[in-house]
C-alpha atoms as a PDB file:
ATOM      1  CA  MET A   1    -192.812 -30.402-120.554  1.00  0.00           C
ATOM      2  CA  GLN A   2    -192.102 -27.616-117.812  1.00  0.00           C
ATOM      3  CA  ALA A   3    -190.278 -28.036-114.399  1.00  0.00           C
ATOM      4  CA  ILE A   4    -190.889 -26.430-111.124  1.00  0.00           C
ATOM      5  CA  ILE A   5    -187.620 -26.511-109.011  1.00  0.00           C
ATOM      6  CA  VAL A   6    -187.827 -25.262-105.621  1.00  0.00           C
ATOM      7  CA  ALA A   7    -184.692 -23.616-104.724  1.00  0.00           C
ATOM      8  CA  GLY A   8    -185.415 -21.756-101.466  1.00  0.00           C
ATOM      9  CA  GLY A   9    -183.785 -23.407 -98.856  1.00  0.00           C
ATOM     10  CA  ARG A  10    -181.975 -21.763 -96.329  1.00  0.00           C
ATOM     11  CA  GLY A  11    -180.073 -24.427 -95.269  1.00  0.00           C
ATOM     12  CA  VAL A  12    -179.020 -23.719 -91.625  1.00  0.00           C
ATOM     13  CA  ARG A  13    -177.353 -27.394 -91.129  1.00  0.00           C
ATOM     14  CA  LEU A  14    -175.356 -26.276 -93.880  1.00  0.00           C
ATOM     15  CA  ARG A  15    -173.753 -23.014 -91.544  1.00  0.00           C
ATOM     16  CA  PRO A  16    -171.314 -21.511 -92.334  1.00  0.00           C
ATOM     17  CA  ILE A  17    -171.532 -22.111 -95.798  1.00  0.00           C
ATOM     18  CA  THR A  18    -175.278 -20.928 -96.470  1.00  0.00           C
ATOM     19  CA  ASP A  19    -174.479 -17.890 -94.003  1.00  0.00           C
ATOM     20  CA  HIS A  20    -173.987 -15.681 -97.783  1.00  0.00           C
ATOM     21  CA  ILE A  21    -175.504 -18.094-100.303  1.00  0.00           C
ATOM     22  CA  PRO A  22    -178.633 -20.031-100.755  1.00  0.00           C
ATOM     23  CA  LYS A  23    -178.582 -23.915 -99.887  1.00  0.00           C
ATOM     24  CA  PRO A  24    -178.993 -24.680-103.363  1.00  0.00           C
ATOM     25  CA  MET A  25    -175.386 -22.707-104.448  1.00  0.00           C
ATOM     26  CA  VAL A  26    -173.937 -24.883-102.548  1.00  0.00           C
ATOM     27  CA  GLU A  27    -171.127 -26.869-104.513  1.00  0.00           C
ATOM     28  CA  VAL A  28    -170.562 -30.248-105.273  1.00  0.00           C
ATOM     29  CA  ALA A  29    -168.009 -31.651-107.796  1.00  0.00           C
ATOM     30  CA  GLY A  30    -167.096 -28.039-109.263  1.00  0.00           C
ATOM     31  CA  LYS A  31    -170.599 -26.765-109.432  1.00  0.00           C
ATOM     32  CA  PRO A  32    -174.255 -25.749-107.287  1.00  0.00           C
ATOM     33  CA  ILE A  33    -176.310 -28.658-106.681  1.00  0.00           C
ATOM     34  CA  LEU A  34    -178.872 -26.643-108.677  1.00  0.00           C
ATOM     35  CA  GLU A  35    -176.821 -26.336-111.910  1.00  0.00           C
ATOM     36  CA  HIS A  36    -176.547 -30.184-111.395  1.00  0.00           C
ATOM     37  CA  THR A  37    -180.769 -30.215-111.361  1.00  0.00           C
ATOM     38  CA  ILE A  38    -180.851 -28.148-114.591  1.00  0.00           C
ATOM     39  CA  ASN A  39    -178.592 -30.756-116.230  1.00  0.00           C
ATOM     40  CA  LEU A  40    -180.560 -33.807-115.770  1.00  0.00           C
ATOM     41  CA  LEU A  41    -183.289 -32.168-116.693  1.00  0.00           C
ATOM     42  CA  LYS A  42    -181.900 -30.579-119.793  1.00  0.00           C
ATOM     43  CA  ASN A  43    -180.160 -33.841-120.461  1.00  0.00           C
ATOM     44  CA  ASN A  44    -183.643 -35.345-120.785  1.00  0.00           C
ATOM     45  CA  GLY A  45    -185.429 -32.957-122.698  1.00  0.00           C
ATOM     46  CA  VAL A  46    -186.652 -30.690-119.868  1.00  0.00           C
ATOM     47  CA  THR A  47    -185.310 -27.239-120.485  1.00  0.00           C
ATOM     48  CA  ASP A  48    -188.547 -24.747-120.094  1.00  0.00           C
ATOM     49  CA  LEU A  49    -188.068 -24.052-115.766  1.00  0.00           C
ATOM     50  CA  ILE A  50    -189.532 -22.278-113.001  1.00  0.00           C
ATOM     51  CA  LEU A  51    -186.848 -21.509-110.663  1.00  0.00           C
ATOM     52  CA  ALA A  52    -189.251 -21.154-107.092  1.00  0.00           C
ATOM     53  CA  LEU A  53    -186.760 -19.139-104.818  1.00  0.00           C
ATOM     54  CA  CYS A  54    -186.876 -18.026-101.753  1.00  0.00           C
ATOM     55  CA  TYR A  55    -183.884 -17.033 -99.362  1.00  0.00           C
ATOM     56  CA  LEU A  56    -181.407 -14.953-101.388  1.00  0.00           C
ATOM     57  CA  PRO A  57    -182.987 -15.500-104.348  1.00  0.00           C
ATOM     58  CA  GLU A  58    -180.637 -13.014-106.137  1.00  0.00           C
ATOM     59  CA  VAL A  59    -177.567 -14.700-105.860  1.00  0.00           C
ATOM     60  CA  ILE A  60    -179.657 -17.740-108.421  1.00  0.00           C
ATOM     61  CA  VAL A  61    -180.636 -14.797-110.231  1.00  0.00           C
ATOM     62  CA  ASN A  62    -177.501 -13.482-110.755  1.00  0.00           C
ATOM     63  CA  TYR A  63    -176.122 -16.879-111.455  1.00  0.00           C
ATOM     64  CA  PHE A  64    -178.341 -18.450-114.000  1.00  0.00           C
ATOM     65  CA  GLY A  65    -179.954 -15.426-114.905  1.00  0.00           C
ATOM     66  CA  ASP A  66    -182.443 -16.358-118.167  1.00  0.00           C
ATOM     67  CA  GLY A  67    -180.935 -19.591-118.521  1.00  0.00           C
ATOM     68  CA  LYS A  68    -179.429 -19.029-122.005  1.00  0.00           C
ATOM     69  CA  LYS A  69    -176.191 -20.284-121.306  1.00  0.00           C
ATOM     70  CA  PHE A  70    -177.092 -23.357-119.528  1.00  0.00           C
ATOM     71  CA  GLY A  71    -179.034 -24.423-122.715  1.00  0.00           C
ATOM     72  CA  VAL A  72    -182.417 -23.721-120.735  1.00  0.00           C
ATOM     73  CA  ASN A  73    -185.216 -21.059-120.874  1.00  0.00           C
ATOM     74  CA  ILE A  74    -185.836 -19.800-117.090  1.00  0.00           C
ATOM     75  CA  HIS A  75    -188.564 -18.178-115.555  1.00  0.00           C
ATOM     76  CA  TYR A  76    -188.414 -16.853-111.614  1.00  0.00           C
ATOM     77  CA  THR A  77    -191.321 -16.892-108.467  1.00  0.00           C
ATOM     78  CA  TYR A  78    -190.415 -15.594-105.363  1.00  0.00           C
ATOM     79  CA  GLU A  79    -191.300 -16.391-102.001  1.00  0.00           C
ATOM     80  CA  ASP A  80    -191.207 -14.153 -98.623  1.00  0.00           C
ATOM     81  CA  SER A  81    -188.100 -15.710 -96.603  1.00  0.00           C
ATOM     82  CA  ASN A  82    -190.324 -14.760 -93.273  1.00  0.00           C
ATOM     83  CA  CYS A  83    -193.390 -16.488 -94.199  1.00  0.00           C
ATOM     84  CA  PRO A  84    -192.333 -19.686 -96.133  1.00  0.00           C
ATOM     85  CA  LEU A  85    -195.285 -21.970 -97.364  1.00  0.00           C
ATOM     86  CA  GLY A  86    -194.381 -25.055 -97.533  1.00  0.00           C
ATOM     87  CA  THR A  87    -192.845 -27.358-100.306  1.00  0.00           C
ATOM     88  CA  ALA A  88    -196.232 -27.388-102.326  1.00  0.00           C
ATOM     89  CA  GLY A  89    -197.043 -23.872-101.279  1.00  0.00           C
ATOM     90  CA  ALA A  90    -193.906 -23.103-102.715  1.00  0.00           C
ATOM     91  CA  ILE A  91    -194.922 -23.443-106.162  1.00  0.00           C
ATOM     92  CA  ARG A  92    -198.481 -21.622-106.183  1.00  0.00           C
ATOM     93  CA  ALA A  93    -197.517 -19.044-107.483  1.00  0.00           C
ATOM     94  CA  SER A  94    -196.138 -20.967-110.599  1.00  0.00           C
ATOM     95  CA  ARG A  95    -199.514 -21.827-111.629  1.00  0.00           C
ATOM     96  CA  GLU A  96    -200.393 -19.182-114.257  1.00  0.00           C
ATOM     97  CA  TYR A  97    -197.361 -20.253-116.534  1.00  0.00           C
ATOM     98  CA  ILE A  98    -198.521 -24.444-116.136  1.00  0.00           C
ATOM     99  CA  ASN A  99    -199.734 -25.533-119.713  1.00  0.00           C
ATOM    100  CA  ASP A 100    -200.166 -29.109-118.803  1.00  0.00           C
ATOM    101  CA  ASP A 101    -198.391 -31.799-116.897  1.00  0.00           C
ATOM    102  CA  PHE A 102    -195.670 -30.510-115.230  1.00  0.00           C
ATOM    103  CA  ILE A 103    -192.450 -32.116-112.804  1.00  0.00           C
ATOM    104  CA  VAL A 104    -191.632 -30.799-110.004  1.00  0.00           C
ATOM    105  CA  THR A 105    -188.195 -31.377-107.940  1.00  0.00           C
ATOM    106  CA  TYR A 106    -186.275 -29.853-105.880  1.00  0.00           C
ATOM    107  CA  ALA A 107    -182.160 -28.411-105.480  1.00  0.00           C
ATOM    108  CA  ASP A 108    -181.184 -29.926-102.916  1.00  0.00           C
ATOM    109  CA  ILE A 109    -180.850 -33.354-104.065  1.00  0.00           C
ATOM    110  CA  LEU A 110    -178.179 -34.984-106.292  1.00  0.00           C
ATOM    111  CA  ARG A 111    -179.795 -37.949-108.385  1.00  0.00           C
ATOM    112  CA  LYS A 112    -179.400 -40.319-111.242  1.00  0.00           C
ATOM    113  CA  LEU A 113    -183.106 -40.842-112.960  1.00  0.00           C
ATOM    114  CA  ASN A 114    -184.300 -41.567-116.256  1.00  0.00           C
ATOM    115  CA  ILE A 115    -187.034 -38.509-116.642  1.00  0.00           C
ATOM    116  CA  ASN A 116    -187.852 -39.971-119.885  1.00  0.00           C
ATOM    117  CA  ASP A 117    -188.918 -43.153-119.180  1.00  0.00           C
ATOM    118  CA  MET A 118    -190.832 -41.537-116.131  1.00  0.00           C
ATOM    119  CA  ILE A 119    -192.639 -39.406-118.264  1.00  0.00           C
ATOM    120  CA  LYS A 120    -193.576 -41.951-120.119  1.00  0.00           C
ATOM    121  CA  GLN A 121    -195.021 -44.438-117.578  1.00  0.00           C
ATOM    122  CA  HIS A 122    -197.005 -41.053-116.174  1.00  0.00           C
ATOM    123  CA  LYS A 123    -198.589 -41.064-119.499  1.00  0.00           C
ATOM    124  CA  THR A 124    -199.639 -44.240-119.813  1.00  0.00           C
ATOM    125  CA  ILE A 125    -202.618 -43.837-117.235  1.00  0.00           C
ATOM    126  CA  ASN A 126    -202.204 -39.914-116.831  1.00  0.00           C
ATOM    127  CA  PRO A 127    -203.027 -39.920-112.745  1.00  0.00           C
ATOM    128  CA  ILE A 128    -202.872 -36.633-111.055  1.00  0.00           C
ATOM    129  CA  ALA A 129    -199.902 -37.870-110.067  1.00  0.00           C
ATOM    130  CA  THR A 130    -196.521 -40.058-110.057  1.00  0.00           C
ATOM    131  CA  ILE A 131    -193.987 -40.101-107.415  1.00  0.00           C
ATOM    132  CA  ASN A 132    -190.709 -41.111-107.708  1.00  0.00           C
ATOM    133  CA  ALA A 133    -189.822 -43.035-104.687  1.00  0.00           C
ATOM    134  CA  TYR A 134    -186.216 -44.706-103.677  1.00  0.00           C
ATOM    135  CA  LYS A 135    -185.418 -47.154-101.249  1.00  0.00           C
ATOM    136  CA  ARG A 136    -184.774 -45.607 -98.060  1.00  0.00           C
ATOM    137  CA  TYR A 137    -182.576 -48.434 -95.878  1.00  0.00           C
ATOM    138  CA  GLY A 138    -182.489 -48.355 -92.136  1.00  0.00           C
ATOM    139  CA  LYS A 139    -185.066 -47.263 -89.344  1.00  0.00           C
ATOM    140  CA  ASP A 140    -184.667 -43.513 -89.837  1.00  0.00           C
ATOM    141  CA  ALA A 141    -187.034 -42.954 -92.645  1.00  0.00           C
ATOM    142  CA  LYS A 142    -188.945 -39.014 -93.752  1.00  0.00           C
ATOM    143  CA  SER A 143    -191.409 -40.790 -95.379  1.00  0.00           C
ATOM    144  CA  MET A 144    -192.926 -44.571 -96.276  1.00  0.00           C
ATOM    145  CA  ILE A 145    -195.228 -45.098 -99.455  1.00  0.00           C
ATOM    146  CA  ILE A 146    -197.224 -48.159 -99.634  1.00  0.00           C
ATOM    147  CA  PHE A 147    -198.637 -48.959-103.465  1.00  0.00           C
ATOM    148  CA  ASP A 148    -200.096 -52.142-104.817  1.00  0.00           C
ATOM    149  CA  SER A 149    -199.270 -54.372-107.457  1.00  0.00           C
ATOM    150  CA  LYS A 150    -199.985 -51.866-110.582  1.00  0.00           C
ATOM    151  CA  ASN A 151    -197.646 -49.380-108.374  1.00  0.00           C
ATOM    152  CA  MET A 152    -201.148 -47.252-107.139  1.00  0.00           C
ATOM    153  CA  VAL A 153    -200.220 -45.693-103.838  1.00  0.00           C
ATOM    154  CA  THR A 154    -203.011 -46.674-101.004  1.00  0.00           C
ATOM    155  CA  SER A 155    -200.747 -44.961 -98.533  1.00  0.00           C
ATOM    156  CA  PHE A 156    -198.634 -42.315 -97.446  1.00  0.00           C
ATOM    157  CA  LYS A 157    -196.194 -41.739 -94.558  1.00  0.00           C
ATOM    158  CA  GLU A 158    -194.997 -38.964 -93.408  1.00  0.00           C
ATOM    159  CA  ARG A 159    -192.017 -39.864 -90.838  1.00  0.00           C
ATOM    160  CA  PRO A 160    -192.986 -43.757 -89.913  1.00  0.00           C
ATOM    161  CA  LYS A 161    -192.758 -44.879 -86.411  1.00  0.00           C
ATOM    162  CA  VAL A 162    -189.594 -47.352 -86.426  1.00  0.00           C
ATOM    163  CA  GLU A 163    -192.098 -50.382 -85.702  1.00  0.00           C
ATOM    164  CA  ASP A 164    -194.298 -49.451 -89.208  1.00  0.00           C
ATOM    165  CA  ILE A 165    -191.056 -50.132 -91.416  1.00  0.00           C
ATOM    166  CA  VAL A 166    -190.722 -53.928 -91.623  1.00  0.00           C
ATOM    167  CA  GLY A 167    -188.017 -55.347 -93.550  1.00  0.00           C
ATOM    168  CA  ASP A 168    -184.228 -53.700 -94.450  1.00  0.00           C
ATOM    169  CA  PHE A 169    -185.943 -50.815 -96.345  1.00  0.00           C
ATOM    170  CA  VAL A 170    -189.031 -48.895 -97.045  1.00  0.00           C
ATOM    171  CA  TRP A 171    -190.050 -47.047-100.491  1.00  0.00           C
ATOM    172  CA  SER A 172    -189.489 -43.603 -99.477  1.00  0.00           C
ATOM    173  CA  ASN A 173    -190.757 -40.122-101.524  1.00  0.00           C
ATOM    174  CA  GLY A 174    -188.022 -39.121-103.684  1.00  0.00           C
ATOM    175  CA  SER A 175    -189.244 -35.906-104.052  1.00  0.00           C
ATOM    176  CA  PHE A 176    -189.059 -35.515-107.717  1.00  0.00           C
ATOM    177  CA  TYR A 177    -192.876 -35.620-109.298  1.00  0.00           C
ATOM    178  CA  ILE A 178    -195.092 -35.223-112.422  1.00  0.00           C
ATOM    179  CA  PHE A 179    -198.142 -33.467-111.916  1.00  0.00           C
ATOM    180  CA  ASN A 180    -201.826 -33.011-113.868  1.00  0.00           C
ATOM    181  CA  LYS A 181    -202.353 -29.246-113.715  1.00  0.00           C
ATOM    182  CA  ASN A 182    -205.226 -29.936-111.448  1.00  0.00           C
ATOM    183  CA  ILE A 183    -202.733 -30.484-108.671  1.00  0.00           C
ATOM    184  CA  PHE A 184    -203.393 -27.281-107.818  1.00  0.00           C
ATOM    185  CA  ASP A 185    -207.024 -27.932-106.854  1.00  0.00           C
ATOM    186  CA  TYR A 186    -205.988 -29.014-103.723  1.00  0.00           C
ATOM    187  CA  PHE A 187    -203.679 -25.822-102.646  1.00  0.00           C
ATOM    188  CA  GLY A 188    -205.788 -23.656-101.206  1.00  0.00           C
ATOM    189  CA  SER A 189    -205.757 -20.155-101.686  1.00  0.00           C
ATOM    190  CA  SER A 190    -202.333 -19.039 -99.414  1.00  0.00           C
ATOM    191  CA  ASN A 191    -201.982 -21.046 -96.598  1.00  0.00           C
ATOM    192  CA  PRO A 192    -198.611 -23.087 -96.281  1.00  0.00           C
ATOM    193  CA  VAL A 193    -198.875 -26.839 -97.487  1.00  0.00           C
ATOM    194  CA  ASP A 194    -196.859 -29.427 -97.884  1.00  0.00           C
ATOM    195  CA  PHE A 195    -197.299 -32.154-100.616  1.00  0.00           C
ATOM    196  CA  GLY A 196    -196.399 -35.136 -97.985  1.00  0.00           C
ATOM    197  CA  LYS A 197    -198.141 -33.690 -95.092  1.00  0.00           C
ATOM    198  CA  ASP A 198    -201.661 -32.407 -96.380  1.00  0.00           C
ATOM    199  CA  ILE A 199    -201.711 -33.304-100.318  1.00  0.00           C
ATOM    200  CA  PHE A 200    -201.260 -36.280-101.044  1.00  0.00           C
ATOM    201  CA  SER A 201    -203.579 -37.483 -98.463  1.00  0.00           C
ATOM    202  CA  LYS A 202    -205.934 -35.449 -99.705  1.00  0.00           C
ATOM    203  CA  ILE A 203    -205.724 -36.644-103.414  1.00  0.00           C
ATOM    204  CA  ILE A 204    -205.874 -40.479-101.706  1.00  0.00           C
ATOM    205  CA  ASP A 205    -208.808 -39.468 -99.981  1.00  0.00           C
ATOM    206  CA  SER A 206    -210.793 -38.177-102.743  1.00  0.00           C
ATOM    207  CA  GLY A 207    -210.061 -41.245-104.944  1.00  0.00           C
ATOM    208  CA  GLN A 208    -207.725 -39.882-107.450  1.00  0.00           C
ATOM    209  CA  ASN A 209    -205.058 -42.159-108.580  1.00  0.00           C
ATOM    210  CA  ILE A 210    -201.114 -41.385-107.261  1.00  0.00           C
ATOM    211  CA  ARG A 211    -198.136 -43.771-109.409  1.00  0.00           C
ATOM    212  CA  VAL A 212    -195.231 -45.025-108.374  1.00  0.00           C
ATOM    213  CA  TYR A 213    -191.981 -44.583-110.299  1.00  0.00           C
ATOM    214  CA  LYS A 214    -189.851 -47.172-108.454  1.00  0.00           C
ATOM    215  CA  THR A 215    -185.892 -46.510-108.715  1.00  0.00           C
ATOM    216  CA  ASP A 216    -182.757 -48.037-107.189  1.00  0.00           C
ATOM    217  CA  ASP A 217    -180.196 -45.572-108.557  1.00  0.00           C
ATOM    218  CA  TYR A 218    -177.926 -42.572-107.015  1.00  0.00           C
ATOM    219  CA  PHE A 219    -180.011 -40.911-104.497  1.00  0.00           C
ATOM    220  CA  ILE A 220    -178.640 -37.878-101.889  1.00  0.00           C
ATOM    221  CA  ASP A 221    -180.787 -35.375 -99.835  1.00  0.00           C
ATOM    222  CA  ILE A 222    -177.836 -32.944 -98.568  1.00  0.00           C
ATOM    223  CA  GLY A 223    -179.816 -31.699 -95.511  1.00  0.00           C
ATOM    224  CA  ASN A 224    -176.570 -31.680 -93.771  1.00  0.00           C
ATOM    225  CA  LEU A 225    -172.982 -31.113 -93.931  1.00  0.00           C
ATOM    226  CA  GLU A 226    -172.050 -34.815 -93.397  1.00  0.00           C
ATOM    227  CA  LYS A 227    -174.215 -35.455 -96.520  1.00  0.00           C
ATOM    228  CA  LEU A 228    -172.781 -32.477 -98.066  1.00  0.00           C
ATOM    229  CA  GLU A 229    -168.928 -34.540 -97.441  1.00  0.00           C
ATOM    230  CA  LYS A 230    -170.905 -37.495 -98.760  1.00  0.00           C
ATOM    231  CA  ALA A 231    -171.924 -35.897-101.823  1.00  0.00           C
ATOM    232  CA  LYS A 232    -168.662 -34.786-102.123  1.00  0.00           C
ATOM    233  CA  ALA A 233    -166.889 -38.298-102.234  1.00  0.00           C
ATOM    234  CA  THR A 234    -169.643 -40.082-104.475  1.00  0.00           C
ATOM    235  CA  PHE A 235    -171.808 -37.573-106.849  1.00  0.00           C
ATOM    236  CA  ILE A 236    -170.016 -37.984-110.149  1.00  0.00           C
ATOM    237  CA  PRO A 237    -171.620 -36.001-112.479  1.00  0.00           C
END
Protein backbone atom coordinates (compact mmCIF):
# COMPACT_ATOMS: atom_id res chain seq x y z
CA MET A 1 0.00 0.00 0.00
CA GLN A 2 1.20 3.52 -0.79
CA ALA A 3 1.38 6.26 1.83
CA ILE A 4 1.33 10.04 1.61
CA ILE A 5 3.03 11.90 4.44
CA VAL A 6 2.03 15.55 4.63
CA ALA A 7 5.27 17.22 5.66
CA GLY A 8 4.78 20.89 4.84
CA GLY A 9 4.38 22.35 8.31
CA ARG A 10 5.97 25.71 9.14
CA GLY A 11 5.87 25.14 12.90
CA VAL A 12 5.27 28.73 13.97
CA ARG A 13 4.70 27.70 17.60
CA LEU A 14 8.03 25.85 17.61
CA ARG A 15 10.11 28.93 16.86
CA PRO A 16 13.01 29.64 17.04
CA ILE A 17 13.74 25.95 16.29
CA THR A 18 11.79 26.16 13.04
CA ASP A 19 13.27 29.42 11.78
CA HIS A 20 15.58 27.45 9.47
CA ILE A 21 14.07 23.96 9.32
CA PRO A 22 10.51 22.76 8.62
CA LYS A 23 8.50 21.34 11.49
CA PRO A 24 8.87 17.69 10.37
CA MET A 25 12.66 17.97 10.75
CA VAL A 26 12.56 18.87 14.44
CA GLU A 27 14.41 16.14 16.31
CA VAL A 28 13.09 13.83 19.00
CA ALA A 29 15.17 10.90 20.30
CA GLY A 30 18.00 11.80 17.94
CA LYS A 31 16.01 11.78 14.68
CA PRO A 32 13.60 14.11 12.85
CA ILE A 33 9.92 13.49 13.57
CA LEU A 34 9.49 12.68 9.89
CA GLU A 35 12.10 9.92 10.07
CA HIS A 36 10.20 8.30 12.94
CA THR A 37 7.04 8.44 10.79
CA ILE A 38 8.83 6.83 7.86
CA ASN A 39 10.23 4.11 10.13
CA LEU A 40 6.77 3.33 11.51
CA LEU A 41 5.46 2.84 7.98
CA LYS A 42 8.49 0.83 6.86
CA ASN A 43 8.27 -1.46 9.90
CA ASN A 44 4.70 -2.23 8.85
CA GLY A 45 5.70 -3.04 5.29
CA VAL A 46 4.70 0.30 3.75
CA THR A 47 7.67 1.51 1.68
CA ASP A 48 6.17 3.34 -1.34
CA LEU A 49 5.94 6.91 -0.01
CA ILE A 50 4.95 10.34 -1.28
CA LEU A 51 6.07 13.32 0.79
CA ALA A 52 3.85 16.38 0.33
CA LEU A 53 6.12 19.36 1.00
CA CYS A 54 5.59 23.08 1.46
CA TYR A 55 7.79 25.09 3.87
CA LEU A 56 11.57 24.78 3.22
CA PRO A 57 11.16 21.62 1.12
CA GLU A 58 14.85 21.48 0.19
CA VAL A 59 15.78 20.64 3.80
CA ILE A 60 13.67 17.47 3.64
CA VAL A 61 14.74 16.52 0.10
CA ASN A 62 18.42 16.94 0.94
CA TYR A 63 18.06 14.74 4.03
CA PHE A 64 15.95 11.89 2.65
CA GLY A 65 16.75 11.95 -1.07
CA ASP A 66 15.07 9.08 -2.91
CA GLY A 67 14.63 7.21 0.37
CA LYS A 68 16.83 4.23 -0.50
CA LYS A 69 19.21 4.63 2.42
CA PHE A 70 16.15 4.60 4.70
CA GLY A 71 14.77 1.43 3.11
CA VAL A 72 11.89 3.13 1.28
CA ASN A 73 11.06 4.73 -2.06
CA ILE A 74 10.18 8.44 -1.90
CA HIS A 75 8.47 10.68 -4.42
CA TYR A 76 7.85 14.37 -3.68
CA THR A 77 5.06 16.84 -4.37
CA TYR A 78 5.25 20.56 -3.69
CA GLU A 79 2.81 23.15 -2.38
CA ASP A 80 3.26 26.93 -2.53
CA SER A 81 4.05 28.07 1.02
CA ASN A 82 2.28 31.37 0.28
CA CYS A 83 -0.96 29.57 -0.64
CA PRO A 84 -1.43 26.58 1.69
CA LEU A 85 -4.12 24.18 0.52
CA GLY A 86 -5.27 22.68 3.82
CA THR A 87 -4.91 19.25 5.39
CA ALA A 88 -6.64 17.57 2.43
CA GLY A 89 -5.67 19.95 -0.36
CA ALA A 90 -2.03 19.23 0.43
CA ILE A 91 -2.38 15.72 -1.07
CA ARG A 92 -4.24 16.78 -4.22
CA ALA A 93 -1.02 16.80 -6.26
CA SER A 94 -0.45 13.14 -5.34
CA ARG A 95 -3.56 11.93 -7.12
CA GLU A 96 -1.78 10.98 -10.34
CA TYR A 97 0.57 8.66 -8.44
CA ILE A 98 -2.08 6.76 -6.47
CA ASN A 99 -2.98 3.30 -7.78
CA ASP A 100 -5.31 1.87 -5.15
CA ASP A 101 -6.26 2.34 -1.50
CA PHE A 102 -3.64 4.46 0.25
CA ILE A 103 -2.56 5.87 3.62
CA VAL A 104 -2.39 9.54 4.59
CA THR A 105 -0.63 10.74 7.71
CA TYR A 106 1.20 13.82 8.99
CA ALA A 107 4.82 14.46 9.94
CA ASP A 108 4.22 16.32 13.20
CA ILE A 109 2.85 13.36 15.18
CA LEU A 110 4.65 10.59 17.05
CA ARG A 111 2.63 7.45 17.65
CA LYS A 112 2.54 3.71 18.12
CA LEU A 113 0.14 2.05 15.69
CA ASN A 114 -0.38 -1.44 14.27
CA ILE A 115 -0.77 -0.31 10.68
CA ASN A 116 -1.07 -3.83 9.31
CA ASP A 117 -4.05 -4.53 11.55
CA MET A 118 -5.66 -1.23 10.55
CA ILE A 119 -5.21 -2.16 6.87
CA LYS A 120 -6.70 -5.60 7.52
CA GLN A 121 -9.78 -4.10 9.18
CA HIS A 122 -10.15 -1.53 6.42
CA LYS A 123 -10.19 -4.24 3.77
CA THR A 124 -12.93 -6.26 5.51
CA ILE A 125 -15.63 -3.82 4.35
CA ASN A 126 -13.69 -1.44 2.07
CA PRO A 127 -15.18 1.88 3.22
CA ILE A 128 -14.14 5.04 1.43
CA ALA A 129 -12.19 5.96 4.57
CA THR A 130 -10.89 4.47 7.80
CA ILE A 131 -9.84 6.95 10.49
CA ASN A 132 -7.56 6.15 13.40
CA ALA A 133 -9.23 7.48 16.57
CA TYR A 134 -7.52 7.89 19.91
CA LYS A 135 -8.74 8.76 23.39
CA ARG A 136 -8.42 12.48 24.04
CA TYR A 137 -8.85 13.34 27.71
CA GLY A 138 -10.01 16.76 28.90
CA LYS A 139 -12.36 19.41 27.54
CA ASP A 140 -10.12 20.92 24.84
CA ALA A 141 -10.27 18.28 22.14
CA LYS A 142 -9.52 19.42 18.59
CA SER A 143 -12.07 16.98 17.22
CA MET A 144 -14.72 14.48 18.31
CA ILE A 145 -15.81 11.42 16.38
CA ILE A 146 -19.19 9.82 17.03
CA PHE A 147 -19.64 6.26 15.77
CA ASP A 148 -22.03 3.35 16.17
CA SER A 149 -21.59 -0.16 17.54
CA LYS A 150 -20.07 -1.26 14.22
CA ASN A 151 -17.47 1.54 14.38
CA MET A 152 -19.11 3.42 11.52
CA VAL A 153 -18.87 7.20 11.83
CA THR A 154 -22.17 9.03 12.28
CA SER A 155 -20.79 12.47 13.12
CA PHE A 156 -17.46 14.28 12.95
CA LYS A 157 -17.05 17.51 14.92
CA GLU A 158 -14.13 19.91 14.63
CA ARG A 159 -13.44 21.93 17.79
CA PRO A 160 -16.38 20.52 19.79
CA LYS A 161 -17.94 22.75 22.41
CA VAL A 162 -17.34 21.96 26.06
CA GLU A 163 -21.00 21.07 26.50
CA ASP A 164 -20.66 18.47 23.69
CA ILE A 165 -18.10 16.51 25.68
CA VAL A 166 -19.60 14.04 28.13
CA GLY A 167 -17.30 11.98 30.33
CA ASP A 168 -13.55 12.02 30.81
CA PHE A 169 -12.56 11.64 27.16
CA VAL A 170 -13.71 11.73 23.55
CA TRP A 171 -12.59 9.69 20.58
CA SER A 172 -10.55 12.16 18.59
CA ASN A 173 -9.05 12.22 15.11
CA GLY A 174 -5.57 10.66 15.11
CA SER A 175 -4.81 12.04 11.61
CA PHE A 176 -3.88 8.64 10.22
CA TYR A 177 -6.18 7.54 7.42
CA ILE A 178 -6.67 4.78 4.89
CA PHE A 179 -8.59 6.01 1.85
CA ASN A 180 -10.15 4.56 -1.25
CA LYS A 181 -8.72 6.53 -4.18
CA ASN A 182 -12.23 7.84 -4.92
CA ILE A 183 -11.74 10.16 -1.94
CA PHE A 184 -10.26 12.66 -4.41
CA ASP A 185 -13.71 13.12 -5.94
CA TYR A 186 -14.67 15.15 -2.85
CA PHE A 187 -11.76 17.59 -3.11
CA GLY A 188 -12.73 19.94 -5.90
CA SER A 189 -10.12 21.27 -8.32
CA SER A 190 -8.01 23.89 -6.55
CA ASN A 191 -9.46 25.53 -3.43
CA PRO A 192 -8.01 24.89 0.06
CA VAL A 193 -9.81 22.02 1.74
CA ASP A 194 -9.53 20.22 5.09
CA PHE A 195 -10.46 16.66 5.98
CA GLY A 196 -12.06 17.57 9.30
CA LYS A 197 -13.84 20.75 8.24
CA ASP A 198 -14.90 19.75 4.76
CA ILE A 199 -14.29 16.24 3.45
CA PHE A 200 -15.58 13.98 6.19
CA SER A 201 -18.91 15.79 6.50
CA LYS A 202 -19.38 15.57 2.72
CA ILE A 203 -18.76 11.84 2.81
CA ILE A 204 -21.19 11.29 5.70
CA ASP A 205 -23.84 13.44 3.99
CA SER A 206 -23.44 11.44 0.78
CA GLY A 207 -24.19 8.18 2.59
CA GLN A 208 -20.72 6.69 2.10
CA ASN A 209 -19.09 4.76 4.94
CA ILE A 210 -16.29 6.02 7.16
CA ARG A 211 -14.96 3.50 9.64
CA VAL A 212 -13.09 4.14 12.88
CA TYR A 213 -10.02 2.17 13.94
CA LYS A 214 -9.71 2.75 17.69
CA THR A 215 -6.38 2.74 19.50
CA ASP A 216 -5.17 3.56 22.97
CA ASP A 217 -1.42 3.59 22.32
CA TYR A 218 1.21 6.33 22.48
CA PHE A 219 0.17 9.47 20.60
CA ILE A 220 1.47 13.03 20.71
CA ASP A 221 0.85 15.90 18.32
CA ILE A 222 3.92 18.12 18.51
CA GLY A 223 2.28 21.48 18.01
CA ASN A 224 4.22 23.66 20.42
CA LEU A 225 7.37 23.77 22.54
CA GLU A 226 5.62 22.25 25.56
CA LYS A 227 4.51 19.23 23.51
CA LEU A 228 7.99 18.93 22.04
CA GLU A 229 9.55 18.72 25.50
CA LYS A 230 6.95 16.14 26.52
CA ALA A 231 7.77 14.07 23.45
CA LYS A 232 11.47 14.22 24.19
CA ALA A 233 10.77 12.93 27.71
CA THR A 234 8.29 10.18 26.81
CA PHE A 235 8.80 8.90 23.25
CA ILE A 236 10.61 5.58 22.88
CA PRO A 237 11.34 4.65 19.22
